[in-house]
Amino acid sequence: MIDEGKIFTALDCQISGEYETLESFPSWRIRAFSDADLEKSVISMRRLLDAIETRLPAQKPPKEEKNLQWCDLLNQEFLPTSSFAYQFLTRIAAWSIPIKYIAPGIYLPNKPDQQPYQSSQSEPEGMSLRIFHIDGLGGQYPSWTPLNESSTVVPRTNTAFSDGCVLVLPYGLGAHGWARKSDGEQMGINPESEHPIPTDQSFGLYQSGFTGFTDLRDVQLWKVLQSWAERLGGIEKFKDADTESHWRKYWIPPSW
């Protein structure tokens, strides 16, 4: 974390107000995201899109490639320029992409107003931000958020990372007992129960569980995008995460 600029001393002369900084432990500061986090997310997004395009059948290039429609959000009050969401979307909003779906059922936004929480918060920056969209999910949940739904675009706690994300599926998985969090815990169980039984969850896939640094911190976006680039498929493919044969393909190794 120190090598990647995530943690630094309060006396570090390189401290900058360019990115979010979380006040935390005496003599130490934690960045909500680092330059390395941002670069990994951008590179992983590009790799995912390139992987999809190489699998598409040969066809004539479209007459007009449309830029991603997050760019209209960047002037809004709820995306401070110091936030990971602003920095990430700024980097990828100018890309011209000839595809809509990044997997069957999961697609890129085509309208900047597809934000179900934009009008539900008294503080604009307190909303969750939906990045990708899922067919059939409607306005019930964000398919991706830079933070947990109970968190905000700008972290309020000293251990939250603003490049965290949650994949909310249109169905639950985990009841078969094979799907795992990074810490090895089965998805959908109550760890405080004397006899925990796994149950279906729609939002637990890829999550870290206990990291040794903090509990209940969302998985970093770049790790999930990287996984997607290695295993493309449709919405139903995620059900493989709860099978004996394939659960490891959807398991992200533990880290901070």
C-alpha atoms as a PDB file:
ATOM      1  CA  MET A   1       0.000   0.000   0.000  1.00  0.00           C
ATOM      2  CA  ILE A   2       2.912   2.324   0.717  1.00  0.00           C
ATOM      3  CA  ASP A   3       4.647   1.410  -2.560  1.00  0.00           C
ATOM      4  CA  GLU A   4       1.489   2.238  -4.532  1.00  0.00           C
ATOM      5  CA  GLY A   5       0.919   5.551  -2.769  1.00  0.00           C
ATOM      6  CA  LYS A   6      -2.156   4.375  -0.891  1.00  0.00           C
ATOM      7  CA  ILE A   7      -0.713   5.127   2.532  1.00  0.00           C
ATOM      8  CA  PHE A   8       1.736   7.909   3.355  1.00  0.00           C
ATOM      9  CA  THR A   9       2.949   9.809   6.381  1.00  0.00           C
ATOM     10  CA  ALA A  10       1.383  13.073   7.464  1.00  0.00           C
ATOM     11  CA  LEU A  11       4.784  14.728   7.033  1.00  0.00           C
ATOM     12  CA  ASP A  12       5.205  13.534   3.458  1.00  0.00           C
ATOM     13  CA  CYS A  13       6.135  16.549   1.374  1.00  0.00           C
ATOM     14  CA  GLN A  14       4.376  15.015  -1.630  1.00  0.00           C
ATOM     15  CA  ILE A  15       0.928  15.285  -0.049  1.00  0.00           C
ATOM     16  CA  SER A  16      -1.423  16.845  -2.564  1.00  0.00           C
ATOM     17  CA  GLY A  17      -5.031  17.911  -2.524  1.00  0.00           C
ATOM     18  CA  GLU A  18      -5.541  16.611  -6.044  1.00  0.00           C
ATOM     19  CA  TYR A  19      -7.141  13.365  -4.863  1.00  0.00           C
ATOM     20  CA  GLU A  20      -9.355  12.391  -1.955  1.00  0.00           C
ATOM     21  CA  THR A  21      -7.453  11.943   1.281  1.00  0.00           C
ATOM     22  CA  LEU A  22      -8.973  10.163   4.248  1.00  0.00           C
ATOM     23  CA  GLU A  23      -7.955  11.330   7.705  1.00  0.00           C
ATOM     24  CA  SER A  24      -7.217   8.147   9.579  1.00  0.00           C
ATOM     25  CA  PHE A  25      -4.564   7.029  12.006  1.00  0.00           C
ATOM     26  CA  PRO A  26      -2.090   9.352  13.773  1.00  0.00           C
ATOM     27  CA  SER A  27       0.968  10.112  11.615  1.00  0.00           C
ATOM     28  CA  TRP A  28      -0.532   8.203   8.687  1.00  0.00           C
ATOM     29  CA  ARG A  29      -2.970   9.111   5.943  1.00  0.00           C
ATOM     30  CA  ILE A  30      -4.914   6.894   3.565  1.00  0.00           C
ATOM     31  CA  ARG A  31      -5.834   7.958   0.061  1.00  0.00           C
ATOM     32  CA  ALA A  32      -9.308   6.941  -1.030  1.00  0.00           C
ATOM     33  CA  PHE A  33      -7.613   5.986  -4.297  1.00  0.00           C
ATOM     34  CA  SER A  34      -4.098   6.276  -5.664  1.00  0.00           C
ATOM     35  CA  ASP A  35      -2.647   6.971  -9.110  1.00  0.00           C
ATOM     36  CA  ALA A  36      -1.964   3.236  -9.379  1.00  0.00           C
ATOM     37  CA  ASP A  37      -5.615   2.419  -8.614  1.00  0.00           C
ATOM     38  CA  LEU A  38      -6.775   4.799 -11.332  1.00  0.00           C
ATOM     39  CA  GLU A  39      -4.341   3.473 -13.926  1.00  0.00           C
ATOM     40  CA  LYS A  40      -5.268  -0.138 -13.188  1.00  0.00           C
ATOM     41  CA  SER A  41      -8.970   0.636 -13.616  1.00  0.00           C
ATOM     42  CA  VAL A  42      -8.472   2.467 -16.916  1.00  0.00           C
ATOM     43  CA  ILE A  43      -6.179  -0.243 -18.293  1.00  0.00           C
ATOM     44  CA  SER A  44      -8.551  -3.017 -17.198  1.00  0.00           C
ATOM     45  CA  MET A  45     -11.514  -1.258 -18.823  1.00  0.00           C
ATOM     46  CA  ARG A  46      -9.576  -0.886 -22.072  1.00  0.00           C
ATOM     47  CA  ARG A  47      -8.501  -4.515 -21.937  1.00  0.00           C
ATOM     48  CA  LEU A  48     -12.097  -5.646 -21.411  1.00  0.00           C
ATOM     49  CA  LEU A  49     -13.368  -3.667 -24.393  1.00  0.00           C
ATOM     50  CA  ASP A  50     -10.502  -4.860 -26.602  1.00  0.00           C
ATOM     51  CA  ALA A  51     -11.193  -8.472 -25.612  1.00  0.00           C
ATOM     52  CA  ILE A  52     -14.834  -8.088 -26.628  1.00  0.00           C
ATOM     53  CA  GLU A  53     -14.020  -6.456 -29.960  1.00  0.00           C
ATOM     54  CA  THR A  54     -11.540  -9.191 -30.905  1.00  0.00           C
ATOM     55  CA  ARG A  55     -14.284 -11.776 -30.409  1.00  0.00           C
ATOM     56  CA  LEU A  56     -16.806 -10.000 -32.606  1.00  0.00           C
ATOM     57  CA  PRO A  57     -17.283 -11.261 -36.177  1.00  0.00           C
ATOM     58  CA  ALA A  58     -15.615  -9.206 -38.879  1.00  0.00           C
ATOM     59  CA  GLN A  59     -17.891  -6.435 -40.072  1.00  0.00           C
ATOM     60  CA  LYS A  60     -17.788  -3.021 -41.637  1.00  0.00           C
ATOM     61  CA  PRO A  61     -16.865  -0.278 -39.189  1.00  0.00           C
ATOM     62  CA  PRO A  62     -19.871   1.789 -38.086  1.00  0.00           C
ATOM     63  CA  LYS A  63     -20.411   5.093 -39.839  1.00  0.00           C
ATOM     64  CA  GLU A  64     -20.269   6.860 -36.519  1.00  0.00           C
ATOM     65  CA  GLU A  65     -18.845   5.700 -33.214  1.00  0.00           C
ATOM     66  CA  LYS A  66     -20.466   7.290 -30.204  1.00  0.00           C
ATOM     67  CA  ASN A  67     -18.582   8.425 -27.154  1.00  0.00           C
ATOM     68  CA  LEU A  68     -19.643   7.067 -23.793  1.00  0.00           C
ATOM     69  CA  GLN A  69     -22.396   9.131 -22.233  1.00  0.00           C
ATOM     70  CA  TRP A  70     -20.899   9.602 -18.779  1.00  0.00           C
ATOM     71  CA  CYS A  71     -19.248  12.808 -19.919  1.00  0.00           C
ATOM     72  CA  ASP A  72     -22.398  14.901 -19.327  1.00  0.00           C
ATOM     73  CA  LEU A  73     -22.250  13.918 -15.672  1.00  0.00           C
ATOM     74  CA  LEU A  74     -18.843  15.371 -15.075  1.00  0.00           C
ATOM     75  CA  ASN A  75     -20.112  18.905 -14.540  1.00  0.00           C
ATOM     76  CA  GLN A  76     -22.645  17.850 -11.946  1.00  0.00           C
ATOM     77  CA  GLU A  77     -22.270  18.709  -8.292  1.00  0.00           C
ATOM     78  CA  PHE A  78     -22.248  15.110  -7.139  1.00  0.00           C
ATOM     79  CA  LEU A  79     -18.962  14.321  -8.945  1.00  0.00           C
ATOM     80  CA  PRO A  80     -16.211  16.384  -7.272  1.00  0.00           C
ATOM     81  CA  THR A  81     -13.073  16.621  -9.399  1.00  0.00           C
ATOM     82  CA  SER A  82     -11.079  14.960  -6.608  1.00  0.00           C
ATOM     83  CA  SER A  83     -13.244  11.811  -6.629  1.00  0.00           C
ATOM     84  CA  PHE A  84     -12.285   8.515  -8.232  1.00  0.00           C
ATOM     85  CA  ALA A  85     -15.553   8.527 -10.175  1.00  0.00           C
ATOM     86  CA  TYR A  86     -14.694  11.852 -11.818  1.00  0.00           C
ATOM     87  CA  GLN A  87     -11.111  10.871 -12.603  1.00  0.00           C
ATOM     88  CA  PHE A  88     -12.055   7.462 -14.011  1.00  0.00           C
ATOM     89  CA  LEU A  89     -14.989   8.641 -16.107  1.00  0.00           C
ATOM     90  CA  THR A  90     -12.993  11.581 -17.443  1.00  0.00           C
ATOM     91  CA  ARG A  91     -10.335   9.196 -18.709  1.00  0.00           C
ATOM     92  CA  ILE A  92     -12.741   6.866 -20.524  1.00  0.00           C
ATOM     93  CA  ALA A  93     -15.567   9.215 -21.559  1.00  0.00           C
ATOM     94  CA  ALA A  94     -13.733  10.312 -24.710  1.00  0.00           C
ATOM     95  CA  TRP A  95     -13.263   6.769 -25.994  1.00  0.00           C
ATOM     96  CA  SER A  96     -15.110   5.926 -29.199  1.00  0.00           C
ATOM     97  CA  ILE A  97     -16.590   2.470 -28.802  1.00  0.00           C
ATOM     98  CA  PRO A  98     -18.456   0.629 -31.591  1.00  0.00           C
ATOM     99  CA  ILE A  99     -20.309  -1.663 -29.175  1.00  0.00           C
ATOM    100  CA  LYS A 100     -23.110  -1.244 -26.667  1.00  0.00           C
ATOM    101  CA  TYR A 101     -23.038  -4.525 -24.764  1.00  0.00           C
ATOM    102  CA  ILE A 102     -19.912  -5.564 -22.903  1.00  0.00           C
ATOM    103  CA  ALA A 103     -21.602  -8.927 -22.325  1.00  0.00           C
ATOM    104  CA  PRO A 104     -25.082 -10.208 -23.190  1.00  0.00           C
ATOM    105  CA  GLY A 105     -27.369  -8.377 -20.813  1.00  0.00           C
ATOM    106  CA  ILE A 106     -24.759  -5.900 -19.530  1.00  0.00           C
ATOM    107  CA  TYR A 107     -24.446  -2.706 -21.491  1.00  0.00           C
ATOM    108  CA  LEU A 108     -22.855   0.717 -21.572  1.00  0.00           C
ATOM    109  CA  PRO A 109     -24.997   3.780 -20.839  1.00  0.00           C
ATOM    110  CA  ASN A 110     -26.522   5.661 -23.736  1.00  0.00           C
ATOM    111  CA  LYS A 111     -28.123   8.455 -21.727  1.00  0.00           C
ATOM    112  CA  PRO A 112     -26.506  10.488 -18.952  1.00  0.00           C
ATOM    113  CA  ASP A 113     -29.758  10.607 -16.974  1.00  0.00           C
ATOM    114  CA  GLN A 114     -29.905   6.884 -16.179  1.00  0.00           C
ATOM    115  CA  GLN A 115     -29.008   7.481 -12.538  1.00  0.00           C
ATOM    116  CA  PRO A 116     -31.725   6.114 -10.229  1.00  0.00           C
ATOM    117  CA  TYR A 117     -30.319   7.816  -7.133  1.00  0.00           C
ATOM    118  CA  GLN A 118     -29.644  11.245  -8.596  1.00  0.00           C
ATOM    119  CA  SER A 119     -32.769  12.827  -7.121  1.00  0.00           C
ATOM    120  CA  SER A 120     -33.020  10.715  -3.968  1.00  0.00           C
ATOM    121  CA  GLN A 121     -30.252  12.339  -1.938  1.00  0.00           C
ATOM    122  CA  SER A 122     -30.340  15.695  -0.170  1.00  0.00           C
ATOM    123  CA  GLU A 123     -26.597  15.946  -0.806  1.00  0.00           C
ATOM    124  CA  PRO A 124     -25.842  15.234  -4.488  1.00  0.00           C
ATOM    125  CA  GLU A 125     -22.441  13.713  -3.751  1.00  0.00           C
ATOM    126  CA  GLY A 126     -24.123  11.261  -1.383  1.00  0.00           C
ATOM    127  CA  MET A 127     -25.641   9.218  -4.197  1.00  0.00           C
ATOM    128  CA  SER A 128     -24.446   5.906  -5.585  1.00  0.00           C
ATOM    129  CA  LEU A 129     -23.324   6.083  -9.200  1.00  0.00           C
ATOM    130  CA  ARG A 130     -24.394   3.451 -11.706  1.00  0.00           C
ATOM    131  CA  ILE A 131     -21.707   2.777 -14.302  1.00  0.00           C
ATOM    132  CA  PHE A 132     -22.925  -0.299 -16.209  1.00  0.00           C
ATOM    133  CA  HIS A 133     -26.521  -1.344 -16.781  1.00  0.00           C
ATOM    134  CA  ILE A 134     -28.182  -4.756 -16.763  1.00  0.00           C
ATOM    135  CA  ASP A 135     -31.197  -5.773 -18.835  1.00  0.00           C
ATOM    136  CA  GLY A 136     -34.230  -6.586 -16.743  1.00  0.00           C
ATOM    137  CA  LEU A 137     -32.970  -4.922 -13.590  1.00  0.00           C
ATOM    138  CA  GLY A 138     -34.949  -1.729 -14.147  1.00  0.00           C
ATOM    139  CA  GLY A 139     -34.521   1.093 -11.671  1.00  0.00           C
ATOM    140  CA  GLN A 140     -34.476  -1.102  -8.582  1.00  0.00           C
ATOM    141  CA  TYR A 141     -30.709  -1.276  -8.112  1.00  0.00           C
ATOM    142  CA  PRO A 142     -27.543   0.116  -9.650  1.00  0.00           C
ATOM    143  CA  SER A 143     -25.790  -2.596 -11.648  1.00  0.00           C
ATOM    144  CA  TRP A 144     -22.471  -1.067 -10.663  1.00  0.00           C
ATOM    145  CA  THR A 145     -21.601   1.561  -8.096  1.00  0.00           C
ATOM    146  CA  PRO A 146     -18.238   3.045  -7.230  1.00  0.00           C
ATOM    147  CA  LEU A 147     -19.225   2.331  -3.643  1.00  0.00           C
ATOM    148  CA  ASN A 148     -21.612   0.180  -1.693  1.00  0.00           C
ATOM    149  CA  GLU A 149     -25.195   1.400  -1.989  1.00  0.00           C
ATOM    150  CA  SER A 150     -25.069   2.662   1.595  1.00  0.00           C
ATOM    151  CA  SER A 151     -21.916   4.656   0.884  1.00  0.00           C
ATOM    152  CA  THR A 152     -21.315   7.803  -1.129  1.00  0.00           C
ATOM    153  CA  VAL A 153     -19.321   9.020  -4.117  1.00  0.00           C
ATOM    154  CA  VAL A 154     -17.045  10.693  -1.558  1.00  0.00           C
ATOM    155  CA  PRO A 155     -16.101   8.281   1.269  1.00  0.00           C
ATOM    156  CA  ARG A 156     -17.059   9.305   4.792  1.00  0.00           C
ATOM    157  CA  THR A 157     -15.059   6.703   6.732  1.00  0.00           C
ATOM    158  CA  ASN A 158     -11.336   6.287   7.160  1.00  0.00           C
ATOM    159  CA  THR A 159     -11.124   2.809   5.637  1.00  0.00           C
ATOM    160  CA  ALA A 160     -13.438   3.128   2.613  1.00  0.00           C
ATOM    161  CA  PHE A 161     -11.892   3.202  -0.854  1.00  0.00           C
ATOM    162  CA  SER A 162     -13.659   5.203  -3.542  1.00  0.00           C
ATOM    163  CA  ASP A 163     -12.742   2.757  -6.325  1.00  0.00           C
ATOM    164  CA  GLY A 164     -14.815   0.026  -4.704  1.00  0.00           C
ATOM    165  CA  CYS A 165     -17.748  -1.441  -6.613  1.00  0.00           C
ATOM    166  CA  VAL A 166     -20.679  -3.831  -6.332  1.00  0.00           C
ATOM    167  CA  LEU A 167     -22.144  -6.014  -9.078  1.00  0.00           C
ATOM    168  CA  VAL A 168     -25.886  -6.405  -8.507  1.00  0.00           C
ATOM    169  CA  LEU A 169     -27.267  -9.325 -10.494  1.00  0.00           C
ATOM    170  CA  PRO A 170     -30.928  -9.806 -11.515  1.00  0.00           C
ATOM    171  CA  TYR A 171     -30.887 -13.103  -9.591  1.00  0.00           C
ATOM    172  CA  GLY A 172     -29.277 -14.537  -6.473  1.00  0.00           C
ATOM    173  CA  LEU A 173     -26.528 -17.114  -6.182  1.00  0.00           C
ATOM    174  CA  GLY A 174     -24.652 -18.782  -3.338  1.00  0.00           C
ATOM    175  CA  ALA A 175     -27.162 -21.290  -1.973  1.00  0.00           C
ATOM    176  CA  HIS A 176     -25.219 -24.216  -3.454  1.00  0.00           C
ATOM    177  CA  GLY A 177     -22.320 -23.338  -1.177  1.00  0.00           C
ATOM    178  CA  TRP A 178     -19.546 -22.970  -3.766  1.00  0.00           C
ATOM    179  CA  ALA A 179     -19.437 -19.206  -4.374  1.00  0.00           C
ATOM    180  CA  ARG A 180     -16.744 -17.617  -2.220  1.00  0.00           C
ATOM    181  CA  LYS A 181     -15.632 -14.200  -1.060  1.00  0.00           C
ATOM    182  CA  SER A 182     -11.919 -13.424  -1.253  1.00  0.00           C
ATOM    183  CA  ASP A 183     -11.415 -14.444   2.373  1.00  0.00           C
ATOM    184  CA  GLY A 184     -12.798 -17.912   1.602  1.00  0.00           C
ATOM    185  CA  GLU A 185     -16.133 -17.364   3.309  1.00  0.00           C
ATOM    186  CA  GLN A 186     -19.156 -18.791   1.541  1.00  0.00           C
ATOM    187  CA  MET A 187     -21.456 -16.206   0.020  1.00  0.00           C
ATOM    188  CA  GLY A 188     -24.763 -15.595   1.742  1.00  0.00           C
ATOM    189  CA  ILE A 189     -23.964 -16.936   5.200  1.00  0.00           C
ATOM    190  CA  ASN A 190     -24.281 -15.255   8.569  1.00  0.00           C
ATOM    191  CA  PRO A 191     -20.780 -15.635  10.084  1.00  0.00           C
ATOM    192  CA  GLU A 192     -22.203 -15.119  13.565  1.00  0.00           C
ATOM    193  CA  SER A 193     -24.570 -18.057  13.251  1.00  0.00           C
ATOM    194  CA  GLU A 194     -23.688 -21.254  15.103  1.00  0.00           C
ATOM    195  CA  HIS A 195     -24.720 -23.274  12.064  1.00  0.00           C
ATOM    196  CA  PRO A 196     -24.379 -20.926   9.059  1.00  0.00           C
ATOM    197  CA  ILE A 197     -26.216 -21.942   5.913  1.00  0.00           C
ATOM    198  CA  PRO A 198     -25.359 -20.307   2.555  1.00  0.00           C
ATOM    199  CA  THR A 199     -28.219 -18.484   0.856  1.00  0.00           C
ATOM    200  CA  ASP A 200     -28.661 -16.742  -2.478  1.00  0.00           C
ATOM    201  CA  GLN A 201     -27.422 -13.145  -2.775  1.00  0.00           C
ATOM    202  CA  SER A 202     -27.617 -10.816  -5.751  1.00  0.00           C
ATOM    203  CA  PHE A 203     -24.774  -8.531  -4.650  1.00  0.00           C
ATOM    204  CA  GLY A 204     -22.043 -10.681  -3.080  1.00  0.00           C
ATOM    205  CA  LEU A 205     -20.116 -11.897  -6.131  1.00  0.00           C
ATOM    206  CA  TYR A 206     -16.437 -10.804  -6.248  1.00  0.00           C
ATOM    207  CA  GLN A 207     -16.591  -9.184  -2.805  1.00  0.00           C
ATOM    208  CA  SER A 208     -13.631  -9.386  -0.445  1.00  0.00           C
ATOM    209  CA  GLY A 209     -15.088 -10.176   2.971  1.00  0.00           C
ATOM    210  CA  PHE A 210     -12.578  -9.650   5.783  1.00  0.00           C
ATOM    211  CA  THR A 211      -9.259  -8.354   4.453  1.00  0.00           C
ATOM    212  CA  GLY A 212      -7.240  -7.966   7.634  1.00  0.00           C
ATOM    213  CA  PHE A 213      -7.332  -4.224   7.043  1.00  0.00           C
ATOM    214  CA  THR A 214     -11.049  -3.727   7.364  1.00  0.00           C
ATOM    215  CA  ASP A 215     -14.266  -5.677   6.935  1.00  0.00           C
ATOM    216  CA  LEU A 216     -17.109  -4.887   4.536  1.00  0.00           C
ATOM    217  CA  ARG A 217     -15.008  -2.914   2.050  1.00  0.00           C
ATOM    218  CA  ASP A 218     -16.095  -3.251  -1.570  1.00  0.00           C
ATOM    219  CA  VAL A 219     -13.831  -4.926  -4.110  1.00  0.00           C
ATOM    220  CA  GLN A 220     -11.759  -2.590  -6.273  1.00  0.00           C
ATOM    221  CA  LEU A 221     -13.178  -1.963  -9.732  1.00  0.00           C
ATOM    222  CA  TRP A 222     -10.064  -2.929 -11.693  1.00  0.00           C
ATOM    223  CA  LYS A 223     -10.032  -6.437 -10.229  1.00  0.00           C
ATOM    224  CA  VAL A 224     -13.535  -7.155 -11.499  1.00  0.00           C
ATOM    225  CA  LEU A 225     -12.920  -5.638 -14.938  1.00  0.00           C
ATOM    226  CA  GLN A 226      -9.793  -7.768 -15.227  1.00  0.00           C
ATOM    227  CA  SER A 227     -11.777 -10.875 -14.366  1.00  0.00           C
ATOM    228  CA  TRP A 228     -14.387 -10.017 -16.982  1.00  0.00           C
ATOM    229  CA  ALA A 229     -11.752  -9.647 -19.692  1.00  0.00           C
ATOM    230  CA  GLU A 230     -10.519 -13.157 -18.949  1.00  0.00           C
ATOM    231  CA  ARG A 231     -13.981 -14.724 -18.897  1.00  0.00           C
ATOM    232  CA  LEU A 232     -16.527 -13.118 -21.155  1.00  0.00           C
ATOM    233  CA  GLY A 233     -20.078 -14.388 -21.107  1.00  0.00           C
ATOM    234  CA  GLY A 234     -23.714 -13.531 -20.548  1.00  0.00           C
ATOM    235  CA  ILE A 235     -25.666 -12.818 -17.398  1.00  0.00           C
ATOM    236  CA  GLU A 236     -26.465 -16.481 -16.822  1.00  0.00           C
ATOM    237  CA  LYS A 237     -22.757 -17.355 -16.897  1.00  0.00           C
ATOM    238  CA  PHE A 238     -22.318 -15.769 -13.466  1.00  0.00           C
ATOM    239  CA  LYS A 239     -24.257 -18.710 -12.049  1.00  0.00           C
ATOM    240  CA  ASP A 240     -21.114 -20.761 -12.690  1.00  0.00           C
ATOM    241  CA  ALA A 241     -19.646 -18.984  -9.658  1.00  0.00           C
ATOM    242  CA  ASP A 242     -21.761 -21.253  -7.449  1.00  0.00           C
ATOM    243  CA  THR A 243     -20.627 -24.531  -9.002  1.00  0.00           C
ATOM    244  CA  GLU A 244     -17.885 -26.949  -7.968  1.00  0.00           C
ATOM    245  CA  SER A 245     -16.282 -26.832 -11.413  1.00  0.00           C
ATOM    246  CA  HIS A 246     -16.079 -23.082 -11.951  1.00  0.00           C
ATOM    247  CA  TRP A 247     -16.219 -21.139  -8.667  1.00  0.00           C
ATOM    248  CA  ARG A 248     -12.490 -20.353  -8.716  1.00  0.00           C
ATOM    249  CA  LYS A 249     -12.906 -18.463 -11.992  1.00  0.00           C
ATOM    250  CA  TYR A 250     -15.066 -15.916 -10.176  1.00  0.00           C
ATOM    251  CA  TRP A 251     -13.030 -15.762  -6.972  1.00  0.00           C
ATOM    252  CA  ILE A 252     -10.677 -12.819  -6.503  1.00  0.00           C
ATOM    253  CA  PRO A 253      -7.628 -13.628  -4.333  1.00  0.00           C
ATOM    254  CA  PRO A 254      -7.433 -11.733  -1.031  1.00  0.00           C
ATOM    255  CA  SER A 255      -5.504  -8.483  -0.767  1.00  0.00           C
ATOM    256  CA  TRP A 256      -5.885  -5.137   0.947  1.00  0.00           C
END
